[in-house]
């Protein structure tokens, strides 16, 4: 168990630092209020987790440790949006269409509401 936690921690650290560096690179070249850095990181994270998923499916990423490092660790640290996309894909592939709709709508709406609630709590304090 400790080995798995260490693998996730290392992957998460590398993913988080990579996200920060990528976002800062975009901010240096794109000075607009639109969060292009975050959007690009989220889309890239989704692309990466899709690649890792397909490689694992083909047997190319046979090692469970490597999959854990790349998906939960790196992609999880790089962006949680990639995990959201992966889980949505899994629900789609198993034809749980109602769950897909609930998960997507719930994640976006509840996430936004929670963010607004957090801001409102701090502002009211």
Foldseek 3Di string as FASTA:
>chain_A
DVLLVVLQAVLLVVQQVVLVVQQVVVCVVDVDPPSPSVVVLLVVLLVQLVVLVVCVVVCNPVDPSVSSNRNNRNSVNNDCSNVLNVVLVVCVVVPVVVVSVCSVCCCVVVVVVVVVVVVVVVVVD
